[in-house]
N, C-alpha and C. Protein backbone atom coordinates (compact mmCIF):
# COMPACT_ATOMS: atom_id res chain seq x y z
N MET A 1 -38.21 -52.54 -8.81
CA MET A 1 -37.94 -51.25 -9.42
C MET A 1 -36.75 -50.60 -8.71
N ILE A 2 -36.03 -49.83 -9.46
CA ILE A 2 -34.86 -49.11 -8.96
C ILE A 2 -35.13 -47.61 -9.14
N GLN A 3 -34.81 -46.83 -8.12
CA GLN A 3 -34.96 -45.38 -8.25
C GLN A 3 -33.59 -44.76 -8.52
N ILE A 4 -33.52 -43.97 -9.57
CA ILE A 4 -32.34 -43.17 -9.90
C ILE A 4 -32.84 -41.76 -10.17
N GLN A 5 -32.32 -40.83 -9.39
CA GLN A 5 -32.78 -39.44 -9.46
C GLN A 5 -34.30 -39.41 -9.41
N ASN A 6 -34.97 -38.79 -10.38
CA ASN A 6 -36.43 -38.72 -10.32
C ASN A 6 -37.09 -39.74 -11.25
N THR A 7 -36.44 -40.90 -11.42
CA THR A 7 -37.00 -41.96 -12.25
C THR A 7 -37.15 -43.24 -11.45
N LEU A 8 -38.17 -44.01 -11.78
CA LEU A 8 -38.35 -45.36 -11.27
C LEU A 8 -38.19 -46.30 -12.45
N ILE A 9 -37.21 -47.19 -12.35
CA ILE A 9 -36.82 -48.02 -13.49
C ILE A 9 -37.25 -49.46 -13.24
N SER A 10 -37.97 -50.02 -14.17
CA SER A 10 -38.40 -51.40 -14.10
C SER A 10 -37.19 -52.34 -14.13
N ASP A 11 -37.28 -53.43 -13.38
CA ASP A 11 -36.20 -54.43 -13.37
C ASP A 11 -35.93 -54.99 -14.76
N ASP A 12 -36.97 -55.02 -15.62
CA ASP A 12 -36.81 -55.54 -16.98
C ASP A 12 -35.73 -54.80 -17.76
N ILE A 13 -35.54 -53.55 -17.47
CA ILE A 13 -34.54 -52.73 -18.19
C ILE A 13 -33.15 -53.31 -17.97
N PHE A 14 -32.94 -53.91 -16.81
CA PHE A 14 -31.64 -54.52 -16.48
C PHE A 14 -31.57 -55.98 -16.93
N GLU A 15 -32.71 -56.66 -16.86
CA GLU A 15 -32.71 -58.11 -17.08
C GLU A 15 -32.91 -58.52 -18.53
N GLU A 16 -33.70 -57.78 -19.28
CA GLU A 16 -34.00 -58.16 -20.66
C GLU A 16 -32.77 -57.96 -21.54
N GLN A 17 -32.49 -58.94 -22.39
CA GLN A 17 -31.41 -58.86 -23.38
C GLN A 17 -32.06 -58.42 -24.69
N PHE A 18 -31.44 -57.47 -25.39
CA PHE A 18 -32.13 -56.87 -26.53
C PHE A 18 -31.15 -56.20 -27.49
N ILE A 19 -31.29 -56.50 -28.78
CA ILE A 19 -30.58 -55.78 -29.85
C ILE A 19 -31.53 -55.76 -31.05
N CYS A 20 -31.93 -54.58 -31.50
CA CYS A 20 -32.81 -54.50 -32.67
C CYS A 20 -32.20 -55.28 -33.83
N ASP A 21 -33.05 -56.04 -34.50
CA ASP A 21 -32.62 -56.86 -35.63
C ASP A 21 -33.50 -56.48 -36.83
N LEU A 22 -33.18 -55.32 -37.41
CA LEU A 22 -34.00 -54.75 -38.49
C LEU A 22 -34.16 -55.68 -39.69
N CYS A 23 -33.16 -56.50 -39.95
CA CYS A 23 -33.27 -57.42 -41.09
C CYS A 23 -34.41 -58.42 -40.88
N LYS A 24 -34.69 -58.73 -39.62
CA LYS A 24 -35.75 -59.70 -39.31
C LYS A 24 -37.10 -59.02 -39.05
N CYS A 25 -37.12 -57.95 -38.28
CA CYS A 25 -38.42 -57.34 -37.91
C CYS A 25 -38.88 -56.33 -38.95
N LYS A 26 -37.97 -55.85 -39.78
CA LYS A 26 -38.28 -54.89 -40.85
C LYS A 26 -38.80 -53.54 -40.34
N GLY A 27 -38.54 -53.24 -39.04
CA GLY A 27 -38.97 -51.95 -38.49
C GLY A 27 -40.46 -51.86 -38.26
N GLN A 28 -41.08 -52.98 -37.92
CA GLN A 28 -42.53 -53.03 -37.74
C GLN A 28 -43.04 -52.12 -36.63
N CYS A 29 -42.17 -51.72 -35.69
CA CYS A 29 -42.63 -50.82 -34.63
C CYS A 29 -43.04 -49.46 -35.19
N CYS A 30 -42.60 -49.13 -36.40
CA CYS A 30 -42.98 -47.87 -37.05
C CYS A 30 -44.23 -48.03 -37.91
N VAL A 31 -44.72 -49.28 -38.02
CA VAL A 31 -45.84 -49.58 -38.90
C VAL A 31 -47.06 -50.07 -38.11
N GLU A 32 -46.85 -50.98 -37.20
CA GLU A 32 -47.95 -51.59 -36.45
C GLU A 32 -48.26 -50.76 -35.21
N GLY A 33 -49.42 -51.01 -34.64
CA GLY A 33 -49.78 -50.34 -33.40
C GLY A 33 -51.11 -49.63 -33.52
N GLU A 34 -51.54 -49.07 -32.42
CA GLU A 34 -52.86 -48.44 -32.35
C GLU A 34 -52.84 -46.97 -32.78
N SER A 35 -51.68 -46.33 -32.64
CA SER A 35 -51.58 -44.92 -33.01
C SER A 35 -50.13 -44.60 -33.36
N GLY A 36 -49.87 -43.34 -33.65
CA GLY A 36 -48.52 -42.92 -34.00
C GLY A 36 -47.59 -42.88 -32.80
N ALA A 37 -46.39 -42.44 -33.03
CA ALA A 37 -45.38 -42.35 -31.97
C ALA A 37 -45.63 -41.14 -31.09
N PRO A 38 -45.58 -41.31 -29.77
CA PRO A 38 -45.75 -40.16 -28.88
C PRO A 38 -44.67 -39.10 -29.12
N ILE A 39 -45.09 -37.82 -29.16
CA ILE A 39 -44.14 -36.72 -29.28
C ILE A 39 -44.49 -35.63 -28.28
N THR A 40 -43.48 -34.87 -27.91
CA THR A 40 -43.68 -33.74 -27.01
C THR A 40 -44.06 -32.51 -27.83
N GLN A 41 -44.53 -31.47 -27.15
CA GLN A 41 -44.84 -30.21 -27.84
C GLN A 41 -43.58 -29.64 -28.48
N GLU A 42 -42.45 -29.77 -27.78
CA GLU A 42 -41.18 -29.28 -28.33
C GLU A 42 -40.81 -30.03 -29.61
N GLU A 43 -40.98 -31.36 -29.60
CA GLU A 43 -40.69 -32.15 -30.81
C GLU A 43 -41.65 -31.79 -31.94
N PHE A 44 -42.92 -31.56 -31.59
CA PHE A 44 -43.91 -31.14 -32.58
C PHE A 44 -43.42 -29.88 -33.30
N ALA A 45 -42.97 -28.90 -32.53
CA ALA A 45 -42.50 -27.64 -33.11
C ALA A 45 -41.24 -27.87 -33.96
N GLN A 46 -40.31 -28.70 -33.46
CA GLN A 46 -39.07 -28.97 -34.21
C GLN A 46 -39.36 -29.66 -35.53
N ILE A 47 -40.25 -30.65 -35.50
CA ILE A 47 -40.56 -31.39 -36.72
C ILE A 47 -41.28 -30.49 -37.72
N ASN A 48 -42.19 -29.66 -37.25
CA ASN A 48 -42.84 -28.72 -38.16
C ASN A 48 -41.83 -27.79 -38.81
N GLU A 49 -40.82 -27.41 -38.05
CA GLU A 49 -39.78 -26.50 -38.57
C GLU A 49 -38.94 -27.16 -39.66
N ILE A 50 -38.64 -28.45 -39.51
CA ILE A 50 -37.80 -29.15 -40.49
C ILE A 50 -38.60 -29.77 -41.63
N LEU A 51 -39.92 -29.73 -41.53
CA LEU A 51 -40.77 -30.37 -42.53
C LEU A 51 -40.42 -29.97 -43.97
N PRO A 52 -40.15 -28.71 -44.25
CA PRO A 52 -39.79 -28.36 -45.64
C PRO A 52 -38.55 -29.13 -46.13
N GLU A 53 -37.62 -29.40 -45.23
CA GLU A 53 -36.39 -30.12 -45.61
C GLU A 53 -36.65 -31.59 -45.91
N ILE A 54 -37.58 -32.21 -45.19
CA ILE A 54 -37.78 -33.65 -45.37
C ILE A 54 -38.99 -34.00 -46.24
N ARG A 55 -39.76 -33.01 -46.66
CA ARG A 55 -40.94 -33.28 -47.50
C ARG A 55 -40.58 -34.15 -48.70
N LYS A 56 -39.44 -33.87 -49.31
CA LYS A 56 -39.06 -34.62 -50.52
C LYS A 56 -38.76 -36.09 -50.21
N ASP A 57 -38.53 -36.41 -48.95
CA ASP A 57 -38.24 -37.79 -48.55
C ASP A 57 -39.50 -38.59 -48.21
N LEU A 58 -40.63 -37.90 -48.11
CA LEU A 58 -41.87 -38.54 -47.67
C LEU A 58 -42.68 -39.08 -48.85
N SER A 59 -43.46 -40.12 -48.58
CA SER A 59 -44.30 -40.71 -49.62
C SER A 59 -45.45 -39.77 -49.97
N THR A 60 -46.03 -40.00 -51.11
CA THR A 60 -47.19 -39.21 -51.55
C THR A 60 -48.32 -39.34 -50.53
N LYS A 61 -48.57 -40.57 -50.05
CA LYS A 61 -49.63 -40.78 -49.06
C LYS A 61 -49.33 -40.02 -47.77
N ALA A 62 -48.07 -40.03 -47.35
CA ALA A 62 -47.68 -39.31 -46.13
C ALA A 62 -47.96 -37.82 -46.29
N LEU A 63 -47.60 -37.27 -47.43
CA LEU A 63 -47.82 -35.85 -47.68
C LEU A 63 -49.32 -35.51 -47.70
N GLU A 64 -50.13 -36.41 -48.24
CA GLU A 64 -51.59 -36.18 -48.25
C GLU A 64 -52.12 -36.11 -46.82
N VAL A 65 -51.66 -37.04 -45.96
CA VAL A 65 -52.10 -37.06 -44.56
C VAL A 65 -51.64 -35.79 -43.85
N ILE A 66 -50.38 -35.43 -44.03
CA ILE A 66 -49.83 -34.23 -43.38
C ILE A 66 -50.56 -32.97 -43.84
N ASP A 67 -50.82 -32.88 -45.16
CA ASP A 67 -51.53 -31.71 -45.68
C ASP A 67 -52.96 -31.63 -45.16
N ARG A 68 -53.56 -32.78 -44.89
CA ARG A 68 -54.95 -32.83 -44.42
C ARG A 68 -55.06 -32.59 -42.91
N GLN A 69 -54.17 -33.24 -42.10
CA GLN A 69 -54.34 -33.17 -40.64
C GLN A 69 -53.10 -32.72 -39.88
N GLY A 70 -52.00 -32.51 -40.58
CA GLY A 70 -50.78 -32.10 -39.90
C GLY A 70 -49.89 -33.28 -39.55
N ILE A 71 -48.78 -33.00 -38.89
CA ILE A 71 -47.80 -34.05 -38.59
C ILE A 71 -48.18 -34.88 -37.37
N ALA A 72 -49.19 -34.42 -36.61
CA ALA A 72 -49.55 -35.13 -35.37
C ALA A 72 -51.02 -34.92 -35.05
N TYR A 73 -51.51 -35.76 -34.17
CA TYR A 73 -52.88 -35.66 -33.68
C TYR A 73 -52.91 -36.14 -32.24
N THR A 74 -54.01 -35.90 -31.56
CA THR A 74 -54.19 -36.38 -30.20
C THR A 74 -54.95 -37.70 -30.28
N ASP A 75 -54.34 -38.78 -29.75
CA ASP A 75 -54.96 -40.09 -29.84
C ASP A 75 -56.03 -40.30 -28.76
N THR A 76 -56.60 -41.49 -28.69
CA THR A 76 -57.68 -41.77 -27.75
C THR A 76 -57.24 -41.71 -26.29
N ASP A 77 -55.94 -41.82 -26.05
CA ASP A 77 -55.40 -41.70 -24.68
C ASP A 77 -55.10 -40.25 -24.33
N GLY A 78 -55.36 -39.33 -25.26
CA GLY A 78 -55.09 -37.92 -25.01
C GLY A 78 -53.64 -37.55 -25.21
N GLU A 79 -52.89 -38.41 -25.91
CA GLU A 79 -51.47 -38.19 -26.12
C GLU A 79 -51.22 -37.65 -27.53
N LEU A 80 -50.31 -36.69 -27.65
CA LEU A 80 -49.91 -36.16 -28.95
C LEU A 80 -49.02 -37.20 -29.62
N VAL A 81 -49.41 -37.64 -30.83
CA VAL A 81 -48.68 -38.69 -31.55
C VAL A 81 -48.52 -38.30 -33.01
N THR A 82 -47.52 -38.88 -33.66
CA THR A 82 -47.31 -38.62 -35.08
C THR A 82 -48.50 -39.15 -35.88
N SER A 83 -48.81 -38.47 -36.96
CA SER A 83 -49.88 -38.91 -37.84
C SER A 83 -49.48 -40.23 -38.49
N ILE A 84 -50.50 -41.03 -38.83
CA ILE A 84 -50.25 -42.32 -39.46
C ILE A 84 -51.05 -42.43 -40.75
N ILE A 85 -50.62 -43.33 -41.61
CA ILE A 85 -51.24 -43.54 -42.92
C ILE A 85 -52.14 -44.77 -42.86
N ASP A 86 -53.40 -44.60 -43.17
CA ASP A 86 -54.37 -45.71 -43.23
C ASP A 86 -54.34 -46.58 -41.98
N GLY A 87 -54.18 -45.95 -40.81
CA GLY A 87 -54.17 -46.72 -39.56
C GLY A 87 -52.94 -47.58 -39.39
N LYS A 88 -51.89 -47.32 -40.15
CA LYS A 88 -50.69 -48.15 -40.11
C LYS A 88 -49.45 -47.30 -39.82
N GLU A 89 -48.58 -47.19 -40.85
CA GLU A 89 -47.26 -46.61 -40.60
C GLU A 89 -47.28 -45.11 -40.34
N CYS A 90 -46.28 -44.71 -39.59
CA CYS A 90 -46.03 -43.30 -39.29
C CYS A 90 -45.79 -42.55 -40.60
N VAL A 91 -46.23 -41.31 -40.66
CA VAL A 91 -46.03 -40.51 -41.88
C VAL A 91 -44.54 -40.29 -42.18
N PHE A 92 -43.68 -40.47 -41.19
CA PHE A 92 -42.25 -40.27 -41.41
C PHE A 92 -41.51 -41.56 -41.75
N ALA A 93 -42.27 -42.64 -41.95
CA ALA A 93 -41.68 -43.92 -42.31
C ALA A 93 -41.33 -43.93 -43.79
N SER A 94 -40.23 -44.59 -44.10
CA SER A 94 -39.87 -44.85 -45.49
C SER A 94 -39.35 -46.28 -45.55
N PHE A 95 -39.42 -46.87 -46.71
CA PHE A 95 -39.03 -48.27 -46.87
C PHE A 95 -37.89 -48.38 -47.86
N ASP A 96 -36.86 -49.15 -47.47
CA ASP A 96 -35.74 -49.34 -48.39
C ASP A 96 -36.05 -50.47 -49.36
N ALA A 97 -35.10 -50.80 -50.22
CA ALA A 97 -35.31 -51.81 -51.26
C ALA A 97 -35.63 -53.19 -50.68
N ASP A 98 -35.20 -53.44 -49.44
CA ASP A 98 -35.46 -54.73 -48.80
C ASP A 98 -36.74 -54.71 -47.97
N GLY A 99 -37.49 -53.61 -48.04
CA GLY A 99 -38.74 -53.52 -47.29
C GLY A 99 -38.57 -53.18 -45.83
N VAL A 100 -37.37 -52.72 -45.45
CA VAL A 100 -37.12 -52.33 -44.06
C VAL A 100 -37.59 -50.90 -43.87
N CYS A 101 -38.40 -50.70 -42.83
CA CYS A 101 -38.93 -49.38 -42.53
C CYS A 101 -37.90 -48.57 -41.75
N LYS A 102 -37.68 -47.35 -42.19
CA LYS A 102 -36.75 -46.45 -41.52
C LYS A 102 -37.41 -45.09 -41.36
N CYS A 103 -36.87 -44.28 -40.48
CA CYS A 103 -37.43 -42.96 -40.19
C CYS A 103 -36.75 -41.90 -41.05
N THR A 104 -37.54 -41.12 -41.77
CA THR A 104 -36.95 -40.07 -42.61
C THR A 104 -36.29 -38.98 -41.77
N ILE A 105 -36.83 -38.72 -40.58
CA ILE A 105 -36.21 -37.72 -39.69
C ILE A 105 -34.84 -38.22 -39.26
N ASP A 106 -34.78 -39.49 -38.85
CA ASP A 106 -33.51 -40.07 -38.40
C ASP A 106 -32.50 -40.12 -39.55
N SER A 107 -32.96 -40.50 -40.73
CA SER A 107 -32.05 -40.56 -41.89
C SER A 107 -31.46 -39.19 -42.19
N ALA A 108 -32.30 -38.15 -42.19
CA ALA A 108 -31.81 -36.79 -42.46
C ALA A 108 -30.83 -36.34 -41.39
N PHE A 109 -31.09 -36.70 -40.12
CA PHE A 109 -30.19 -36.36 -39.03
C PHE A 109 -28.84 -37.05 -39.22
N ARG A 110 -28.87 -38.35 -39.50
CA ARG A 110 -27.63 -39.12 -39.66
C ARG A 110 -26.84 -38.69 -40.88
N GLU A 111 -27.53 -38.19 -41.90
CA GLU A 111 -26.86 -37.67 -43.10
C GLU A 111 -26.31 -36.27 -42.88
N GLY A 112 -26.59 -35.66 -41.72
CA GLY A 112 -26.10 -34.33 -41.42
C GLY A 112 -26.90 -33.21 -42.06
N ARG A 113 -28.10 -33.52 -42.55
CA ARG A 113 -28.92 -32.50 -43.20
C ARG A 113 -29.66 -31.63 -42.20
N MET A 114 -29.74 -32.07 -40.93
CA MET A 114 -30.41 -31.29 -39.90
C MET A 114 -29.95 -31.75 -38.53
N ASN A 115 -30.22 -30.93 -37.53
CA ASN A 115 -29.79 -31.29 -36.18
C ASN A 115 -30.95 -31.76 -35.30
N VAL A 116 -32.10 -32.02 -35.89
CA VAL A 116 -33.25 -32.54 -35.16
C VAL A 116 -33.24 -34.06 -35.26
N GLN A 117 -33.31 -34.72 -34.10
CA GLN A 117 -33.35 -36.18 -34.08
C GLN A 117 -34.79 -36.67 -34.09
N LYS A 118 -34.95 -37.96 -34.38
CA LYS A 118 -36.28 -38.56 -34.32
C LYS A 118 -36.84 -38.41 -32.91
N PRO A 119 -38.15 -38.50 -32.76
CA PRO A 119 -38.74 -38.35 -31.42
C PRO A 119 -38.09 -39.27 -30.40
N ILE A 120 -37.95 -38.79 -29.18
CA ILE A 120 -37.29 -39.58 -28.14
C ILE A 120 -38.05 -40.87 -27.87
N SER A 121 -39.37 -40.87 -28.03
CA SER A 121 -40.13 -42.11 -27.81
C SER A 121 -39.72 -43.19 -28.80
N CYS A 122 -39.38 -42.79 -30.02
CA CYS A 122 -38.92 -43.74 -31.03
C CYS A 122 -37.49 -44.19 -30.73
N HIS A 123 -36.66 -43.25 -30.37
CA HIS A 123 -35.25 -43.52 -30.08
C HIS A 123 -35.12 -44.48 -28.89
N LEU A 124 -35.99 -44.34 -27.92
CA LEU A 124 -35.94 -45.18 -26.72
C LEU A 124 -36.63 -46.53 -26.87
N TYR A 125 -37.42 -46.71 -27.89
CA TYR A 125 -38.21 -47.93 -27.97
C TYR A 125 -37.33 -49.17 -27.98
N PRO A 126 -37.64 -50.20 -27.18
CA PRO A 126 -38.89 -50.57 -26.53
C PRO A 126 -39.07 -50.06 -25.10
N ILE A 127 -38.28 -49.09 -24.71
CA ILE A 127 -38.54 -48.45 -23.42
C ILE A 127 -39.64 -47.40 -23.63
N ARG A 128 -40.59 -47.41 -22.72
CA ARG A 128 -41.65 -46.41 -22.73
C ARG A 128 -41.60 -45.64 -21.42
N LEU A 129 -41.78 -44.34 -21.50
CA LEU A 129 -41.77 -43.46 -20.32
C LEU A 129 -43.18 -43.06 -19.97
N HIS A 130 -43.45 -43.00 -18.68
CA HIS A 130 -44.73 -42.51 -18.19
C HIS A 130 -44.43 -41.43 -17.17
N GLU A 131 -44.85 -40.21 -17.47
CA GLU A 131 -44.57 -39.06 -16.61
C GLU A 131 -45.64 -38.94 -15.53
N TYR A 132 -45.21 -38.84 -14.30
CA TYR A 132 -46.09 -38.60 -13.17
C TYR A 132 -45.67 -37.30 -12.51
N ALA A 133 -46.41 -36.84 -11.54
CA ALA A 133 -46.12 -35.55 -10.90
C ALA A 133 -44.72 -35.51 -10.29
N ASP A 134 -44.31 -36.59 -9.63
CA ASP A 134 -43.04 -36.58 -8.89
C ASP A 134 -41.93 -37.42 -9.51
N PHE A 135 -42.26 -38.21 -10.52
CA PHE A 135 -41.23 -39.09 -11.08
C PHE A 135 -41.62 -39.51 -12.50
N THR A 136 -40.64 -40.10 -13.19
CA THR A 136 -40.87 -40.69 -14.50
C THR A 136 -40.66 -42.19 -14.38
N ALA A 137 -41.65 -42.97 -14.80
CA ALA A 137 -41.53 -44.42 -14.82
C ALA A 137 -40.85 -44.82 -16.13
N VAL A 138 -39.84 -45.67 -16.02
CA VAL A 138 -39.08 -46.16 -17.17
C VAL A 138 -39.37 -47.65 -17.28
N ASN A 139 -40.17 -48.02 -18.28
CA ASN A 139 -40.65 -49.40 -18.41
C ASN A 139 -40.28 -50.02 -19.74
N TYR A 140 -40.20 -51.33 -19.73
CA TYR A 140 -39.96 -52.11 -20.94
C TYR A 140 -41.31 -52.50 -21.54
N HIS A 141 -41.52 -52.19 -22.81
CA HIS A 141 -42.75 -52.55 -23.50
C HIS A 141 -42.50 -53.81 -24.32
N ARG A 142 -43.11 -54.90 -23.89
CA ARG A 142 -42.97 -56.17 -24.62
C ARG A 142 -43.95 -56.19 -25.78
N TRP A 143 -43.44 -56.56 -26.95
CA TRP A 143 -44.28 -56.63 -28.14
C TRP A 143 -43.74 -57.74 -29.04
N SER A 144 -44.63 -58.51 -29.61
CA SER A 144 -44.24 -59.67 -30.41
C SER A 144 -43.35 -59.30 -31.59
N VAL A 145 -43.49 -58.10 -32.15
CA VAL A 145 -42.65 -57.73 -33.30
C VAL A 145 -41.17 -57.63 -32.91
N CYS A 146 -40.89 -57.56 -31.60
CA CYS A 146 -39.51 -57.45 -31.13
C CYS A 146 -38.88 -58.80 -30.75
N ARG A 147 -39.54 -59.90 -31.05
CA ARG A 147 -38.95 -61.21 -30.72
C ARG A 147 -37.58 -61.41 -31.34
N PRO A 148 -37.35 -61.01 -32.60
CA PRO A 148 -36.01 -61.15 -33.15
C PRO A 148 -34.95 -60.36 -32.35
N ALA A 149 -35.34 -59.20 -31.82
CA ALA A 149 -34.42 -58.38 -31.02
C ALA A 149 -34.11 -59.06 -29.70
N GLN A 150 -35.10 -59.70 -29.11
CA GLN A 150 -34.87 -60.44 -27.86
C GLN A 150 -33.94 -61.62 -28.11
N LYS A 151 -34.18 -62.33 -29.21
CA LYS A 151 -33.35 -63.48 -29.55
C LYS A 151 -31.89 -63.07 -29.79
N LEU A 152 -31.69 -62.00 -30.57
CA LEU A 152 -30.34 -61.52 -30.85
C LEU A 152 -29.68 -60.99 -29.58
N GLY A 153 -30.45 -60.30 -28.75
CA GLY A 153 -29.92 -59.79 -27.49
C GLY A 153 -29.44 -60.90 -26.58
N ARG A 154 -30.23 -61.99 -26.49
CA ARG A 154 -29.81 -63.14 -25.67
C ARG A 154 -28.56 -63.79 -26.24
N LYS A 155 -28.52 -63.89 -27.57
CA LYS A 155 -27.35 -64.49 -28.23
C LYS A 155 -26.08 -63.69 -27.91
N GLU A 156 -26.19 -62.37 -27.95
CA GLU A 156 -25.03 -61.50 -27.71
C GLU A 156 -24.85 -61.13 -26.24
N GLY A 157 -25.87 -61.39 -25.42
CA GLY A 157 -25.78 -61.08 -23.99
C GLY A 157 -25.76 -59.59 -23.68
N LEU A 158 -26.52 -58.81 -24.45
CA LEU A 158 -26.52 -57.36 -24.26
C LEU A 158 -27.80 -56.92 -23.57
N PRO A 159 -27.68 -56.37 -22.34
CA PRO A 159 -28.88 -55.89 -21.64
C PRO A 159 -29.50 -54.69 -22.37
N LEU A 160 -30.80 -54.57 -22.22
CA LEU A 160 -31.56 -53.50 -22.86
C LEU A 160 -30.99 -52.12 -22.56
N PHE A 161 -30.63 -51.85 -21.30
CA PHE A 161 -30.13 -50.51 -20.95
C PHE A 161 -28.80 -50.22 -21.64
N ARG A 162 -28.03 -51.23 -21.94
CA ARG A 162 -26.76 -51.01 -22.67
C ARG A 162 -27.04 -50.77 -24.16
N PHE A 163 -27.98 -51.53 -24.72
CA PHE A 163 -28.34 -51.34 -26.12
C PHE A 163 -28.86 -49.92 -26.35
N LEU A 164 -29.61 -49.40 -25.39
CA LEU A 164 -30.22 -48.07 -25.54
C LEU A 164 -29.42 -46.97 -24.86
N ARG A 165 -28.13 -47.15 -24.74
CA ARG A 165 -27.25 -46.18 -24.08
C ARG A 165 -27.43 -44.77 -24.65
N GLU A 166 -27.32 -44.63 -25.97
CA GLU A 166 -27.39 -43.31 -26.61
C GLU A 166 -28.70 -42.58 -26.32
N PRO A 167 -29.87 -43.20 -26.56
CA PRO A 167 -31.11 -42.45 -26.27
C PRO A 167 -31.35 -42.22 -24.77
N LEU A 168 -30.88 -43.14 -23.91
CA LEU A 168 -31.03 -42.92 -22.47
C LEU A 168 -30.22 -41.71 -22.03
N ILE A 169 -29.01 -41.57 -22.56
CA ILE A 169 -28.20 -40.39 -22.24
C ILE A 169 -28.84 -39.15 -22.84
N ARG A 170 -29.36 -39.26 -24.05
CA ARG A 170 -30.05 -38.12 -24.68
C ARG A 170 -31.19 -37.63 -23.79
N LYS A 171 -31.94 -38.56 -23.22
CA LYS A 171 -33.11 -38.19 -22.42
C LYS A 171 -32.75 -37.76 -21.00
N PHE A 172 -31.88 -38.54 -20.33
CA PHE A 172 -31.65 -38.33 -18.90
C PHE A 172 -30.27 -37.79 -18.53
N GLY A 173 -29.32 -37.84 -19.46
CA GLY A 173 -27.98 -37.31 -19.20
C GLY A 173 -26.96 -38.38 -18.83
N GLU A 174 -25.70 -38.00 -18.97
CA GLU A 174 -24.58 -38.93 -18.72
C GLU A 174 -24.52 -39.38 -17.26
N ALA A 175 -24.71 -38.46 -16.32
CA ALA A 175 -24.64 -38.81 -14.89
C ALA A 175 -25.71 -39.84 -14.53
N TRP A 176 -26.92 -39.65 -15.05
CA TRP A 176 -28.00 -40.60 -14.80
C TRP A 176 -27.62 -41.97 -15.35
N TYR A 177 -27.07 -41.99 -16.58
CA TYR A 177 -26.70 -43.27 -17.19
C TYR A 177 -25.60 -43.96 -16.39
N GLN A 178 -24.65 -43.22 -15.87
CA GLN A 178 -23.61 -43.83 -15.03
C GLN A 178 -24.23 -44.47 -13.79
N GLU A 179 -25.25 -43.81 -13.24
CA GLU A 179 -25.93 -44.38 -12.07
C GLU A 179 -26.65 -45.68 -12.43
N ILE A 180 -27.23 -45.73 -13.62
CA ILE A 180 -27.92 -46.96 -14.02
C ILE A 180 -26.90 -48.10 -14.20
N CYS A 181 -25.73 -47.78 -14.70
CA CYS A 181 -24.67 -48.79 -14.85
C CYS A 181 -24.21 -49.30 -13.48
N GLU A 182 -24.08 -48.38 -12.53
CA GLU A 182 -23.70 -48.77 -11.17
C GLU A 182 -24.78 -49.64 -10.54
N ALA A 183 -26.03 -49.28 -10.74
CA ALA A 183 -27.14 -50.08 -10.21
C ALA A 183 -27.14 -51.47 -10.82
N ALA A 184 -26.87 -51.57 -12.11
CA ALA A 184 -26.82 -52.87 -12.79
C ALA A 184 -25.70 -53.73 -12.21
N ALA A 185 -24.55 -53.12 -11.94
CA ALA A 185 -23.44 -53.88 -11.35
C ALA A 185 -23.81 -54.40 -9.96
N LEU A 186 -24.48 -53.58 -9.16
CA LEU A 186 -24.91 -54.01 -7.84
C LEU A 186 -25.94 -55.13 -7.92
N LEU A 187 -26.86 -55.03 -8.84
CA LEU A 187 -27.86 -56.09 -9.03
C LEU A 187 -27.20 -57.40 -9.44
N LYS A 188 -26.19 -57.30 -10.28
CA LYS A 188 -25.48 -58.50 -10.75
C LYS A 188 -24.73 -59.16 -9.58
N GLU A 189 -24.14 -58.35 -8.68
CA GLU A 189 -23.44 -58.89 -7.51
C GLU A 189 -24.38 -59.65 -6.59
N LYS A 190 -25.62 -59.18 -6.50
CA LYS A 190 -26.60 -59.80 -5.59
C LYS A 190 -27.07 -61.15 -6.07
N LYS A 191 -26.90 -61.43 -7.37
CA LYS A 191 -27.39 -62.71 -7.93
C LYS A 191 -26.47 -63.85 -7.62
């Protein structure tokens, strides 16, 4: 593990090669799993605020779930997570003509319809954060649905921390990201 500021970073973040390959995985990380995507209280408030803008982008089933239980719930781990449909996809999931799952929040943000981005836990995936009293653990979550991303990452030789540059800067800032790049260079020299 490497410590940068108040984070402890798993070696996998430097060593794993990774590039999302949506054509192959079809965005299964938004569909499979035990519960919805973790969100913060701040994200909960932001998403509730933009809900009127994105309601028209959501499926009928998603709207039924949201109208019944809201955009989020507390899962069995005690974590606030996005609501899901029939134990599967996130209520904010949408599917294109090729069956690729995409986030309606992210689509609206990229189209310039709003300034709220998708939850940071989604943006950072497959990195998962665990908050402790004195530090944040930054870990790589291995999941079989991401095998195409691992394969493409190895083919292109792109480390996970480089692939996730934008969300890492969004979460921790530019100075933190520069430190992670410096740490990666030092680790590479040692090999």
